[in-house]
Amino acid sequence: MAEAKLVISSKNYSSWGLRGWLLCKFAGLDFEEEVIPPNDPVMRAEILLLSPSFLVPRLIHHDLTIWDTLAIGEYLNEIRPEAGLLPKERAERALCRAISGEMHQGFSSLRSALPMNISSHHPNYKIYSGARADIERICTIWRDTLALSGGPFLFGKRPTMADAMYAPVATRFVTYDVKLDPHSATYRDTVLALPAMREWIAAAKAEPQEIEEFEVEF
């Protein structure tokens, strides 16, 4: 029996599910998945950004249940400090928390204009100004952080909580054919090449369920 359970929703559409799942993978946690069915109202509310309090992903570990993605990351860092979900140095740790928190609570224009949909591809997709500003801010975060750490991940040689938080954005940039500067494009490709990301993307593309709101003609 696995040590823990992670409750998630659609792998094709759920950015928060991907974040929680990657955190567990990066931490080396032995966990099993419980997938909420596509007709569950909780799942649809989470994916369509209609819920004020997301209860998925939800990590169940022994007698604890943790449902906020940042809280999951902090908890896993406590029980698996050797995984390095947060950097060792105080200044880097603070920056990691800051940019993770910025993703956690911000970029609403990008979320609404470029919803996560791994199995789709929209070449030459027209991006309106609000989402463009979010994209530019994200790329600035990537470039500045990589310049400080030397890469290939945001805080050096191994992925951290920040990389898990920004991983769904990398899939959005592919789905909507977002043109990036060379440094940001290299980081995007580095994240997408992670074995855990390849595993998630393969499962997302094999997923039979569809959410009509995300399958309109663009």
N, C-alpha and C. Protein backbone atom coordinates (compact mmCIF):
# COMPACT_ATOMS: atom_id res chain seq x y z
N MET A 1 0.84 -1.20 0.00
CA MET A 1 0.00 0.00 0.00
C MET A 1 0.88 1.25 0.00
N ALA A 2 0.47 2.24 -0.77
CA ALA A 2 1.23 3.48 -0.86
C ALA A 2 1.18 4.23 0.46
N GLU A 3 2.19 5.05 0.67
CA GLU A 3 2.30 5.84 1.88
C GLU A 3 1.26 6.95 1.95
N ALA A 4 0.84 7.44 0.80
CA ALA A 4 -0.05 8.60 0.75
C ALA A 4 -0.98 8.49 -0.44
N LYS A 5 -1.98 9.37 -0.45
CA LYS A 5 -2.92 9.45 -1.57
C LYS A 5 -3.01 10.90 -2.00
N LEU A 6 -3.03 11.12 -3.32
CA LEU A 6 -3.23 12.45 -3.87
C LEU A 6 -4.50 12.45 -4.69
N VAL A 7 -5.46 13.27 -4.30
CA VAL A 7 -6.72 13.39 -5.02
C VAL A 7 -6.55 14.50 -6.07
N ILE A 8 -6.78 14.16 -7.31
CA ILE A 8 -6.62 15.12 -8.40
C ILE A 8 -7.83 15.06 -9.32
N SER A 9 -7.87 15.99 -10.26
CA SER A 9 -8.92 15.96 -11.27
C SER A 9 -8.28 15.69 -12.62
N SER A 10 -8.79 16.25 -13.66
CA SER A 10 -8.32 15.97 -15.01
C SER A 10 -6.85 16.30 -15.20
N LYS A 11 -6.10 15.38 -15.81
CA LYS A 11 -4.70 15.66 -16.12
C LYS A 11 -4.58 16.55 -17.35
N ASN A 12 -5.56 16.56 -18.18
CA ASN A 12 -5.50 17.42 -19.37
C ASN A 12 -5.77 18.88 -19.04
N TYR A 13 -6.68 19.13 -18.11
CA TYR A 13 -7.15 20.49 -17.88
C TYR A 13 -6.70 21.12 -16.55
N SER A 14 -6.27 20.32 -15.60
CA SER A 14 -6.07 20.83 -14.25
C SER A 14 -4.63 21.25 -13.99
N SER A 15 -4.39 22.55 -13.94
CA SER A 15 -3.06 23.05 -13.62
C SER A 15 -2.71 22.82 -12.16
N TRP A 16 -3.70 22.95 -11.28
CA TRP A 16 -3.41 22.75 -9.85
C TRP A 16 -3.13 21.29 -9.56
N GLY A 17 -3.83 20.39 -10.24
CA GLY A 17 -3.52 18.97 -10.07
C GLY A 17 -2.09 18.66 -10.46
N LEU A 18 -1.64 19.24 -11.58
CA LEU A 18 -0.27 19.02 -12.02
C LEU A 18 0.73 19.53 -10.99
N ARG A 19 0.47 20.70 -10.42
CA ARG A 19 1.39 21.25 -9.43
C ARG A 19 1.52 20.34 -8.22
N GLY A 20 0.39 19.90 -7.67
CA GLY A 20 0.45 19.02 -6.51
C GLY A 20 1.12 17.70 -6.81
N TRP A 21 0.83 17.17 -7.99
CA TRP A 21 1.40 15.89 -8.41
C TRP A 21 2.91 16.00 -8.57
N LEU A 22 3.38 17.08 -9.20
CA LEU A 22 4.81 17.28 -9.36
C LEU A 22 5.50 17.44 -8.01
N LEU A 23 4.89 18.15 -7.09
CA LEU A 23 5.49 18.31 -5.77
C LEU A 23 5.70 16.96 -5.10
N CYS A 24 4.72 16.09 -5.23
CA CYS A 24 4.86 14.75 -4.65
C CYS A 24 5.96 13.96 -5.36
N LYS A 25 6.02 14.08 -6.67
CA LYS A 25 7.07 13.40 -7.44
C LYS A 25 8.45 13.94 -7.07
N PHE A 26 8.60 15.26 -7.04
CA PHE A 26 9.89 15.86 -6.70
C PHE A 26 10.33 15.45 -5.30
N ALA A 27 9.37 15.30 -4.39
CA ALA A 27 9.69 14.93 -3.01
C ALA A 27 10.02 13.45 -2.85
N GLY A 28 9.75 12.66 -3.89
CA GLY A 28 9.97 11.23 -3.79
C GLY A 28 8.96 10.52 -2.91
N LEU A 29 7.79 11.08 -2.78
CA LEU A 29 6.75 10.50 -1.94
C LEU A 29 6.11 9.30 -2.63
N ASP A 30 5.91 8.23 -1.89
CA ASP A 30 5.21 7.05 -2.40
C ASP A 30 3.71 7.31 -2.25
N PHE A 31 3.04 7.59 -3.37
CA PHE A 31 1.63 7.95 -3.29
C PHE A 31 0.83 7.29 -4.42
N GLU A 32 -0.45 7.13 -4.16
CA GLU A 32 -1.38 6.66 -5.18
C GLU A 32 -2.29 7.81 -5.57
N GLU A 33 -2.84 7.72 -6.75
CA GLU A 33 -3.74 8.76 -7.24
C GLU A 33 -5.19 8.36 -7.07
N GLU A 34 -6.00 9.33 -6.72
CA GLU A 34 -7.46 9.17 -6.80
C GLU A 34 -7.97 10.27 -7.71
N VAL A 35 -8.56 9.90 -8.82
CA VAL A 35 -9.00 10.87 -9.81
C VAL A 35 -10.49 11.12 -9.67
N ILE A 36 -10.87 12.37 -9.48
CA ILE A 36 -12.28 12.73 -9.40
C ILE A 36 -12.89 12.61 -10.78
N PRO A 37 -14.05 11.97 -10.93
CA PRO A 37 -14.65 11.81 -12.26
C PRO A 37 -15.04 13.13 -12.87
N PRO A 38 -15.10 13.19 -14.22
CA PRO A 38 -15.33 14.47 -14.92
C PRO A 38 -16.69 15.09 -14.66
N ASN A 39 -17.67 14.29 -14.23
CA ASN A 39 -19.00 14.86 -13.97
C ASN A 39 -19.15 15.36 -12.54
N ASP A 40 -18.10 15.28 -11.75
CA ASP A 40 -18.16 15.75 -10.37
C ASP A 40 -18.15 17.28 -10.35
N PRO A 41 -19.10 17.93 -9.68
CA PRO A 41 -19.15 19.40 -9.68
C PRO A 41 -17.92 20.05 -9.05
N VAL A 42 -17.28 19.37 -8.10
CA VAL A 42 -16.07 19.91 -7.48
C VAL A 42 -14.96 20.02 -8.51
N MET A 43 -14.84 18.97 -9.34
CA MET A 43 -13.80 18.99 -10.36
C MET A 43 -14.02 20.12 -11.36
N ARG A 44 -15.24 20.26 -11.84
CA ARG A 44 -15.53 21.29 -12.83
C ARG A 44 -15.34 22.69 -12.25
N ALA A 45 -15.73 22.87 -10.99
CA ALA A 45 -15.55 24.18 -10.36
C ALA A 45 -14.09 24.53 -10.25
N GLU A 46 -13.25 23.54 -9.94
CA GLU A 46 -11.81 23.79 -9.81
C GLU A 46 -11.21 24.15 -11.16
N ILE A 47 -11.51 23.38 -12.18
CA ILE A 47 -10.89 23.58 -13.48
C ILE A 47 -11.39 24.86 -14.14
N LEU A 48 -12.67 25.17 -13.98
CA LEU A 48 -13.25 26.34 -14.61
C LEU A 48 -13.10 27.61 -13.76
N LEU A 49 -12.33 27.51 -12.68
CA LEU A 49 -12.04 28.66 -11.82
C LEU A 49 -13.30 29.25 -11.21
N LEU A 50 -14.25 28.38 -10.87
CA LEU A 50 -15.51 28.84 -10.28
C LEU A 50 -15.55 28.65 -8.78
N SER A 51 -14.55 27.97 -8.23
CA SER A 51 -14.56 27.68 -6.80
C SER A 51 -13.65 28.65 -6.06
N PRO A 52 -14.16 29.27 -4.97
CA PRO A 52 -13.31 30.19 -4.21
C PRO A 52 -12.28 29.47 -3.36
N SER A 53 -12.50 28.18 -3.10
CA SER A 53 -11.58 27.40 -2.29
C SER A 53 -11.35 26.05 -2.96
N PHE A 54 -10.18 25.89 -3.56
CA PHE A 54 -9.90 24.66 -4.28
C PHE A 54 -9.57 23.54 -3.30
N LEU A 55 -10.31 22.44 -3.36
CA LEU A 55 -10.05 21.30 -2.49
C LEU A 55 -9.31 20.19 -3.22
N VAL A 56 -8.93 20.43 -4.44
CA VAL A 56 -8.07 19.53 -5.19
C VAL A 56 -6.98 20.37 -5.85
N PRO A 57 -5.76 19.88 -5.86
CA PRO A 57 -5.33 18.58 -5.35
C PRO A 57 -5.41 18.53 -3.81
N ARG A 58 -5.54 17.31 -3.31
CA ARG A 58 -5.67 17.09 -1.88
C ARG A 58 -4.76 15.93 -1.50
N LEU A 59 -3.79 16.20 -0.66
CA LEU A 59 -2.85 15.16 -0.22
C LEU A 59 -3.33 14.58 1.09
N ILE A 60 -3.42 13.26 1.14
CA ILE A 60 -3.78 12.54 2.36
C ILE A 60 -2.57 11.71 2.77
N HIS A 61 -1.98 12.07 3.87
CA HIS A 61 -0.76 11.41 4.35
C HIS A 61 -0.94 11.04 5.81
N HIS A 62 -1.01 9.72 6.08
CA HIS A 62 -1.30 9.23 7.43
C HIS A 62 -2.64 9.83 7.88
N ASP A 63 -2.66 10.59 8.97
CA ASP A 63 -3.92 11.13 9.48
C ASP A 63 -4.13 12.59 9.10
N LEU A 64 -3.34 13.08 8.15
CA LEU A 64 -3.43 14.48 7.74
C LEU A 64 -4.02 14.61 6.34
N THR A 65 -4.79 15.67 6.13
CA THR A 65 -5.29 16.03 4.82
C THR A 65 -4.89 17.47 4.53
N ILE A 66 -4.15 17.68 3.43
CA ILE A 66 -3.68 19.01 3.06
C ILE A 66 -4.19 19.30 1.65
N TRP A 67 -4.88 20.43 1.45
CA TRP A 67 -5.53 20.67 0.17
C TRP A 67 -5.07 21.92 -0.56
N ASP A 68 -4.28 22.75 0.01
CA ASP A 68 -3.76 23.92 -0.69
C ASP A 68 -2.40 23.57 -1.28
N THR A 69 -2.16 23.97 -2.54
CA THR A 69 -0.94 23.54 -3.22
C THR A 69 0.32 24.03 -2.53
N LEU A 70 0.34 25.29 -2.11
CA LEU A 70 1.51 25.78 -1.39
C LEU A 70 1.67 25.06 -0.06
N ALA A 71 0.56 24.78 0.61
CA ALA A 71 0.64 24.05 1.88
C ALA A 71 1.18 22.64 1.65
N ILE A 72 0.78 22.02 0.54
CA ILE A 72 1.32 20.70 0.20
C ILE A 72 2.83 20.79 0.02
N GLY A 73 3.28 21.80 -0.71
CA GLY A 73 4.71 21.97 -0.93
C GLY A 73 5.47 22.19 0.37
N GLU A 74 4.95 23.04 1.24
CA GLU A 74 5.61 23.29 2.52
C GLU A 74 5.64 22.03 3.38
N TYR A 75 4.55 21.29 3.38
CA TYR A 75 4.48 20.06 4.18
C TYR A 75 5.49 19.03 3.66
N LEU A 76 5.53 18.86 2.35
CA LEU A 76 6.47 17.89 1.78
C LEU A 76 7.91 18.31 2.04
N ASN A 77 8.18 19.61 2.05
CA ASN A 77 9.52 20.08 2.36
C ASN A 77 9.91 19.73 3.79
N GLU A 78 8.93 19.74 4.69
CA GLU A 78 9.20 19.38 6.08
C GLU A 78 9.48 17.89 6.25
N ILE A 79 8.70 17.06 5.56
CA ILE A 79 8.89 15.62 5.77
C ILE A 79 9.93 15.00 4.84
N ARG A 80 10.28 15.72 3.77
CA ARG A 80 11.30 15.25 2.84
C ARG A 80 12.31 16.39 2.56
N PRO A 81 12.98 16.89 3.59
CA PRO A 81 13.89 18.02 3.37
C PRO A 81 15.02 17.71 2.40
N GLU A 82 15.39 16.43 2.31
CA GLU A 82 16.47 16.05 1.41
C GLU A 82 16.10 16.23 -0.07
N ALA A 83 14.82 16.36 -0.37
CA ALA A 83 14.38 16.54 -1.76
C ALA A 83 14.66 17.94 -2.26
N GLY A 84 14.83 18.89 -1.36
CA GLY A 84 15.16 20.25 -1.77
C GLY A 84 14.04 21.00 -2.45
N LEU A 85 12.79 20.79 -2.02
CA LEU A 85 11.69 21.55 -2.61
C LEU A 85 11.83 23.04 -2.38
N LEU A 86 12.48 23.41 -1.29
CA LEU A 86 12.84 24.80 -1.04
C LEU A 86 14.37 24.87 -0.96
N PRO A 87 14.97 25.93 -1.51
CA PRO A 87 16.43 26.05 -1.48
C PRO A 87 16.98 26.11 -0.06
N LYS A 88 18.24 25.77 0.10
CA LYS A 88 18.88 25.76 1.42
C LYS A 88 19.17 27.17 1.93
N GLU A 89 19.59 28.05 1.04
CA GLU A 89 19.96 29.40 1.45
C GLU A 89 18.71 30.24 1.73
N ARG A 90 18.78 31.03 2.81
CA ARG A 90 17.61 31.79 3.25
C ARG A 90 17.09 32.74 2.17
N ALA A 91 17.99 33.48 1.52
CA ALA A 91 17.56 34.44 0.51
C ALA A 91 16.89 33.74 -0.66
N GLU A 92 17.46 32.64 -1.12
CA GLU A 92 16.86 31.88 -2.21
C GLU A 92 15.54 31.27 -1.79
N ARG A 93 15.47 30.83 -0.55
CA ARG A 93 14.23 30.24 -0.04
C ARG A 93 13.12 31.28 -0.03
N ALA A 94 13.46 32.49 0.38
CA ALA A 94 12.46 33.57 0.40
C ALA A 94 12.00 33.90 -1.01
N LEU A 95 12.94 33.95 -1.96
CA LEU A 95 12.58 34.25 -3.35
C LEU A 95 11.72 33.13 -3.93
N CYS A 96 12.06 31.90 -3.62
CA CYS A 96 11.27 30.75 -4.11
C CYS A 96 9.84 30.85 -3.61
N ARG A 97 9.68 31.20 -2.35
CA ARG A 97 8.33 31.34 -1.79
C ARG A 97 7.60 32.52 -2.45
N ALA A 98 8.33 33.59 -2.70
CA ALA A 98 7.70 34.79 -3.27
C ALA A 98 7.17 34.53 -4.67
N ILE A 99 7.99 33.93 -5.53
CA ILE A 99 7.53 33.72 -6.91
C ILE A 99 6.51 32.58 -6.98
N SER A 100 6.59 31.63 -6.05
CA SER A 100 5.56 30.59 -5.99
C SER A 100 4.23 31.19 -5.56
N GLY A 101 4.29 32.09 -4.58
CA GLY A 101 3.08 32.76 -4.12
C GLY A 101 2.47 33.65 -5.19
N GLU A 102 3.34 34.28 -5.99
CA GLU A 102 2.84 35.13 -7.08
C GLU A 102 2.05 34.30 -8.09
N MET A 103 2.53 33.12 -8.40
CA MET A 103 1.78 32.24 -9.30
C MET A 103 0.51 31.75 -8.64
N HIS A 104 0.59 31.44 -7.37
CA HIS A 104 -0.55 30.89 -6.64
C HIS A 104 -1.73 31.83 -6.64
N GLN A 105 -1.48 33.14 -6.53
CA GLN A 105 -2.59 34.08 -6.37
C GLN A 105 -2.77 35.04 -7.53
N GLY A 106 -1.90 34.98 -8.53
CA GLY A 106 -1.96 35.96 -9.60
C GLY A 106 -2.17 35.39 -10.98
N PHE A 107 -1.88 36.23 -11.98
CA PHE A 107 -1.93 35.85 -13.39
C PHE A 107 -3.33 35.39 -13.82
N SER A 108 -4.33 36.10 -13.34
CA SER A 108 -5.71 35.72 -13.65
C SER A 108 -6.03 35.90 -15.13
N SER A 109 -5.43 36.89 -15.77
CA SER A 109 -5.71 37.10 -17.19
C SER A 109 -5.20 35.93 -18.02
N LEU A 110 -4.01 35.45 -17.69
CA LEU A 110 -3.47 34.29 -18.40
C LEU A 110 -4.33 33.06 -18.16
N ARG A 111 -4.76 32.86 -16.92
CA ARG A 111 -5.56 31.67 -16.59
C ARG A 111 -6.85 31.64 -17.40
N SER A 112 -7.51 32.80 -17.52
CA SER A 112 -8.80 32.82 -18.21
C SER A 112 -8.64 32.80 -19.73
N ALA A 113 -7.61 33.46 -20.24
CA ALA A 113 -7.44 33.57 -21.69
C ALA A 113 -6.76 32.35 -22.30
N LEU A 114 -5.91 31.68 -21.52
CA LEU A 114 -5.17 30.52 -22.01
C LEU A 114 -5.38 29.35 -21.06
N PRO A 115 -6.60 28.81 -20.98
CA PRO A 115 -6.84 27.70 -20.05
C PRO A 115 -6.00 26.48 -20.41
N MET A 116 -5.61 25.75 -19.39
CA MET A 116 -4.77 24.59 -19.62
C MET A 116 -5.53 23.54 -20.41
N ASN A 117 -4.91 23.05 -21.48
CA ASN A 117 -5.50 22.02 -22.33
C ASN A 117 -4.35 21.36 -23.08
N ILE A 118 -3.73 20.39 -22.44
CA ILE A 118 -2.49 19.80 -22.95
C ILE A 118 -2.69 19.12 -24.30
N SER A 119 -3.82 18.51 -24.52
CA SER A 119 -4.03 17.73 -25.74
C SER A 119 -4.36 18.59 -26.96
N SER A 120 -4.52 19.90 -26.76
CA SER A 120 -4.85 20.78 -27.88
C SER A 120 -3.63 21.60 -28.31
N HIS A 121 -3.70 22.10 -29.54
CA HIS A 121 -2.67 23.00 -30.03
C HIS A 121 -3.31 24.02 -30.95
N HIS A 122 -3.02 25.30 -30.70
CA HIS A 122 -3.62 26.38 -31.47
C HIS A 122 -2.52 27.27 -32.05
N PRO A 123 -2.02 26.94 -33.23
CA PRO A 123 -0.95 27.74 -33.84
C PRO A 123 -1.38 29.18 -34.07
N ASN A 124 -0.45 30.09 -33.89
CA ASN A 124 -0.70 31.52 -34.14
C ASN A 124 -1.89 32.05 -33.35
N TYR A 125 -2.05 31.56 -32.16
CA TYR A 125 -3.16 31.99 -31.31
C TYR A 125 -3.01 33.47 -30.94
N LYS A 126 -4.07 34.22 -31.07
CA LYS A 126 -4.03 35.65 -30.78
C LYS A 126 -4.20 35.88 -29.28
N ILE A 127 -3.23 36.51 -28.67
CA ILE A 127 -3.23 36.73 -27.23
C ILE A 127 -3.52 38.20 -26.95
N TYR A 128 -4.55 38.46 -26.15
CA TYR A 128 -4.91 39.85 -25.89
C TYR A 128 -3.97 40.47 -24.85
N SER A 129 -4.05 41.78 -24.67
CA SER A 129 -3.04 42.53 -23.93
C SER A 129 -2.92 42.12 -22.47
N GLY A 130 -4.04 41.80 -21.81
CA GLY A 130 -3.97 41.41 -20.40
C GLY A 130 -3.17 40.16 -20.20
N ALA A 131 -3.42 39.16 -21.02
CA ALA A 131 -2.67 37.92 -20.93
C ALA A 131 -1.22 38.13 -21.34
N ARG A 132 -1.00 39.01 -22.32
CA ARG A 132 0.36 39.30 -22.75
C ARG A 132 1.18 39.89 -21.62
N ALA A 133 0.58 40.77 -20.82
CA ALA A 133 1.29 41.34 -19.68
C ALA A 133 1.67 40.25 -18.68
N ASP A 134 0.77 39.29 -18.45
CA ASP A 134 1.09 38.18 -17.56
C ASP A 134 2.23 37.34 -18.10
N ILE A 135 2.23 37.09 -19.40
CA ILE A 135 3.29 36.32 -20.03
C ILE A 135 4.63 37.02 -19.87
N GLU A 136 4.64 38.32 -20.09
CA GLU A 136 5.88 39.08 -19.96
C GLU A 136 6.40 39.05 -18.52
N ARG A 137 5.50 39.14 -17.55
CA ARG A 137 5.92 39.08 -16.15
C ARG A 137 6.50 37.70 -15.83
N ILE A 138 5.86 36.65 -16.29
CA ILE A 138 6.36 35.30 -16.03
C ILE A 138 7.74 35.11 -16.65
N CYS A 139 7.92 35.57 -17.87
CA CYS A 139 9.23 35.42 -18.51
C CYS A 139 10.30 36.24 -17.79
N THR A 140 9.92 37.39 -17.25
CA THR A 140 10.87 38.17 -16.46
C THR A 140 11.28 37.40 -15.21
N ILE A 141 10.32 36.79 -14.54
CA ILE A 141 10.64 35.96 -13.37
C ILE A 141 11.59 34.84 -13.75
N TRP A 142 11.29 34.17 -14.84
CA TRP A 142 12.14 33.07 -15.28
C TRP A 142 13.56 33.55 -15.57
N ARG A 143 13.68 34.60 -16.37
CA ARG A 143 15.01 35.08 -16.76
C ARG A 143 15.81 35.55 -15.56
N ASP A 144 15.19 36.35 -14.69
CA ASP A 144 15.90 36.89 -13.54
C ASP A 144 16.35 35.79 -12.58
N THR A 145 15.46 34.82 -12.35
CA THR A 145 15.79 33.75 -11.40
C THR A 145 16.85 32.83 -11.97
N LEU A 146 16.75 32.51 -13.24
CA LEU A 146 17.75 31.67 -13.88
C LEU A 146 19.12 32.36 -13.92
N ALA A 147 19.12 33.68 -14.10
CA ALA A 147 20.38 34.42 -14.11
C ALA A 147 21.06 34.35 -12.75
N LEU A 148 20.28 34.36 -11.68
CA LEU A 148 20.84 34.27 -10.34
C LEU A 148 21.34 32.87 -10.02
N SER A 149 20.59 31.87 -10.44
CA SER A 149 20.92 30.49 -10.05
C SER A 149 21.85 29.79 -11.02
N GLY A 150 21.85 30.22 -12.27
CA GLY A 150 22.63 29.52 -13.29
C GLY A 150 21.90 28.37 -13.94
N GLY A 151 20.67 28.09 -13.48
CA GLY A 151 19.83 27.05 -14.09
C GLY A 151 20.39 25.64 -13.87
N PRO A 152 19.83 24.68 -14.59
CA PRO A 152 18.81 24.79 -15.63
C PRO A 152 17.39 25.02 -15.08
N PHE A 153 17.22 24.75 -13.75
CA PHE A 153 15.93 25.02 -13.13
C PHE A 153 16.00 26.37 -12.41
N LEU A 154 14.88 26.83 -11.91
CA LEU A 154 14.82 28.19 -11.40
C LEU A 154 15.81 28.43 -10.25
N PHE A 155 16.07 27.40 -9.46
CA PHE A 155 17.00 27.56 -8.35
C PHE A 155 18.16 26.58 -8.43
N GLY A 156 18.57 26.29 -9.65
CA GLY A 156 19.79 25.51 -9.79
C GLY A 156 19.61 24.17 -10.47
N LYS A 157 20.30 23.17 -9.95
CA LYS A 157 20.44 21.89 -10.64
C LYS A 157 19.24 20.97 -10.49
N ARG A 158 18.38 21.22 -9.52
CA ARG A 158 17.24 20.33 -9.30
C ARG A 158 15.96 21.14 -9.19
N PRO A 159 14.84 20.57 -9.59
CA PRO A 159 13.58 21.30 -9.52
C PRO A 159 13.11 21.53 -8.09
N THR A 160 12.48 22.65 -7.87
CA THR A 160 11.97 23.04 -6.56
C THR A 160 10.46 23.28 -6.64
N MET A 161 9.92 23.77 -5.54
CA MET A 161 8.50 24.11 -5.51
C MET A 161 8.16 25.13 -6.59
N ALA A 162 9.05 26.06 -6.85
CA ALA A 162 8.78 27.09 -7.87
C ALA A 162 8.64 26.47 -9.25
N ASP A 163 9.45 25.50 -9.58
CA ASP A 163 9.35 24.85 -10.89
C ASP A 163 8.02 24.11 -11.01
N ALA A 164 7.57 23.49 -9.93
CA ALA A 164 6.26 22.83 -9.95
C ALA A 164 5.14 23.84 -10.16
N MET A 165 5.26 25.00 -9.54
CA MET A 165 4.22 26.02 -9.66
C MET A 165 4.13 26.58 -11.08
N TYR A 166 5.26 26.69 -11.77
CA TYR A 166 5.26 27.27 -13.11
C TYR A 166 5.17 26.24 -14.23
N ALA A 167 5.22 24.96 -13.90
CA ALA A 167 5.18 23.92 -14.93
C ALA A 167 3.92 23.97 -15.79
N PRO A 168 2.72 24.20 -15.23
CA PRO A 168 1.54 24.27 -16.10
C PRO A 168 1.62 25.40 -17.12
N VAL A 169 2.33 26.48 -16.78
CA VAL A 169 2.49 27.58 -17.73
C VAL A 169 3.27 27.11 -18.95
N ALA A 170 4.27 26.25 -18.73
CA ALA A 170 5.05 25.71 -19.85
C ALA A 170 4.14 24.97 -20.82
N THR A 171 3.17 24.23 -20.31
CA THR A 171 2.25 23.52 -21.21
C THR A 171 1.33 24.50 -21.94
N ARG A 172 0.91 25.55 -21.25
CA ARG A 172 0.07 26.56 -21.91
C ARG A 172 0.82 27.24 -23.05
N PHE A 173 2.10 27.52 -22.84
CA PHE A 173 2.88 28.19 -23.88
C PHE A 173 2.98 27.32 -25.13
N VAL A 174 2.97 26.00 -24.97
CA VAL A 174 2.97 25.10 -26.12
C VAL A 174 1.59 25.04 -26.75
N THR A 175 0.57 24.89 -25.94
CA THR A 175 -0.81 24.78 -26.44
C THR A 175 -1.18 25.98 -27.30
N TYR A 176 -0.81 27.17 -26.85
CA TYR A 176 -1.25 28.40 -27.52
C TYR A 176 -0.14 29.05 -28.35
N ASP A 177 0.92 28.27 -28.59
CA ASP A 177 1.97 28.71 -29.53
C ASP A 177 2.53 30.08 -29.15
N VAL A 178 2.82 30.24 -27.85
CA VAL A 178 3.32 31.52 -27.36
C VAL A 178 4.80 31.66 -27.72
N LYS A 179 5.13 32.75 -28.37
CA LYS A 179 6.51 33.01 -28.77
C LYS A 179 7.30 33.54 -27.57
N LEU A 180 8.44 32.95 -27.29
CA LEU A 180 9.24 33.30 -26.13
C LEU A 180 10.64 33.70 -26.52
N ASP A 181 11.28 34.47 -25.64
CA ASP A 181 12.69 34.77 -25.82
C ASP A 181 13.50 33.48 -25.63
N PRO A 182 14.74 33.42 -26.11
CA PRO A 182 15.52 32.18 -26.06
C PRO A 182 15.69 31.59 -24.66
N HIS A 183 15.95 32.44 -23.65
CA HIS A 183 16.15 31.93 -22.29
C HIS A 183 14.87 31.30 -21.74
N SER A 184 13.75 31.96 -21.97
CA SER A 184 12.47 31.43 -21.49
C SER A 184 12.09 30.16 -22.23
N ALA A 185 12.35 30.12 -23.53
CA ALA A 185 12.04 28.93 -24.32
C ALA A 185 12.88 27.74 -23.86
N THR A 186 14.14 27.98 -23.55
CA THR A 186 15.01 26.90 -23.07
C THR A 186 14.51 26.36 -21.73
N TYR A 187 14.10 27.27 -20.84
CA TYR A 187 13.57 26.82 -19.55
C TYR A 187 12.27 26.04 -19.74
N ARG A 188 11.38 26.55 -20.58
CA ARG A 188 10.14 25.82 -20.89
C ARG A 188 10.44 24.39 -21.33
N ASP A 189 11.37 24.24 -22.25
CA ASP A 189 11.70 22.92 -22.77
C ASP A 189 12.36 22.04 -21.71
N THR A 190 13.13 22.64 -20.82
CA THR A 190 13.76 21.88 -19.73
C THR A 190 12.70 21.30 -18.82
N VAL A 191 11.70 22.10 -18.49
CA VAL A 191 10.62 21.62 -17.63
C VAL A 191 9.82 20.52 -18.33
N LEU A 192 9.49 20.73 -19.59
CA LEU A 192 8.68 19.74 -20.32
C LEU A 192 9.43 18.42 -20.52
N ALA A 193 10.76 18.47 -20.47
CA ALA A 193 11.56 17.26 -20.67
C ALA A 193 11.72 16.43 -19.40
N LEU A 194 11.29 16.96 -18.26
CA LEU A 194 11.38 16.18 -17.03
C LEU A 194 10.61 14.87 -17.17
N PRO A 195 11.15 13.75 -16.68
CA PRO A 195 10.42 12.48 -16.78
C PRO A 195 9.01 12.56 -16.19
N ALA A 196 8.86 13.24 -15.07
CA ALA A 196 7.53 13.36 -14.46
C ALA A 196 6.59 14.14 -15.37
N MET A 197 7.09 15.18 -16.03
CA MET A 197 6.25 15.94 -16.94
C MET A 197 5.87 15.10 -18.16
N ARG A 198 6.80 14.34 -18.69
CA ARG A 198 6.47 13.48 -19.83
C ARG A 198 5.41 12.46 -19.45
N GLU A 199 5.50 11.94 -18.23
CA GLU A 199 4.50 10.98 -17.76
C GLU A 199 3.12 11.62 -17.67
N TRP A 200 3.05 12.82 -17.09
CA TRP A 200 1.76 13.52 -16.95
C TRP A 200 1.18 13.87 -18.32
N ILE A 201 2.02 14.39 -19.20
CA ILE A 201 1.54 14.80 -20.53
C ILE A 201 1.00 13.61 -21.31
N ALA A 202 1.68 12.47 -21.24
CA ALA A 202 1.20 11.27 -21.93
C ALA A 202 -0.16 10.85 -21.40
N ALA A 203 -0.33 10.91 -20.09
CA ALA A 203 -1.63 10.54 -19.49
C ALA A 203 -2.70 11.55 -19.87
N ALA A 204 -2.34 12.83 -19.92
CA ALA A 204 -3.30 13.87 -20.29
C ALA A 204 -3.82 13.67 -21.71
N LYS A 205 -2.91 13.33 -22.62
CA LYS A 205 -3.31 13.14 -24.01
C LYS A 205 -4.14 11.87 -24.21
N ALA A 206 -4.02 10.92 -23.29
CA ALA A 206 -4.79 9.69 -23.38
C ALA A 206 -6.12 9.78 -22.65
N GLU A 207 -6.37 10.89 -22.00
CA GLU A 207 -7.57 11.06 -21.19
C GLU A 207 -8.80 11.18 -22.08
N PRO A 208 -9.85 10.39 -21.83
CA PRO A 208 -11.02 10.42 -22.71
C PRO A 208 -11.97 11.58 -22.47
N GLN A 209 -11.97 12.13 -21.26
CA GLN A 209 -12.97 13.12 -20.91
C GLN A 209 -12.69 14.46 -21.58
N GLU A 210 -13.77 15.20 -21.86
CA GLU A 210 -13.66 16.53 -22.43
C GLU A 210 -14.53 17.49 -21.64
N ILE A 211 -14.07 18.71 -21.53
CA ILE A 211 -14.87 19.78 -20.95
C ILE A 211 -15.24 20.73 -22.09
N GLU A 212 -16.51 20.80 -22.39
CA GLU A 212 -16.96 21.51 -23.58
C GLU A 212 -16.48 22.95 -23.63
N GLU A 213 -16.42 23.61 -22.46
CA GLU A 213 -16.03 25.01 -22.44
C GLU A 213 -14.61 25.23 -22.95
N PHE A 214 -13.77 24.20 -22.87
CA PHE A 214 -12.38 24.31 -23.30
C PHE A 214 -12.16 23.68 -24.67
N GLU A 215 -13.20 23.19 -25.30
CA GLU A 215 -13.04 22.52 -26.58
C GLU A 215 -13.76 23.28 -27.70
N VAL A 216 -13.92 24.58 -27.51
CA VAL A 216 -14.55 25.40 -28.55
C VAL A 216 -13.55 25.66 -29.66
N GLU A 217 -14.06 26.15 -30.78
CA GLU A 217 -13.17 26.49 -31.89
C GLU A 217 -12.49 27.83 -31.61
N PHE A 218 -11.18 27.87 -31.69
CA PHE A 218 -10.43 29.11 -31.43
C PHE A 218 -10.16 29.82 -32.77
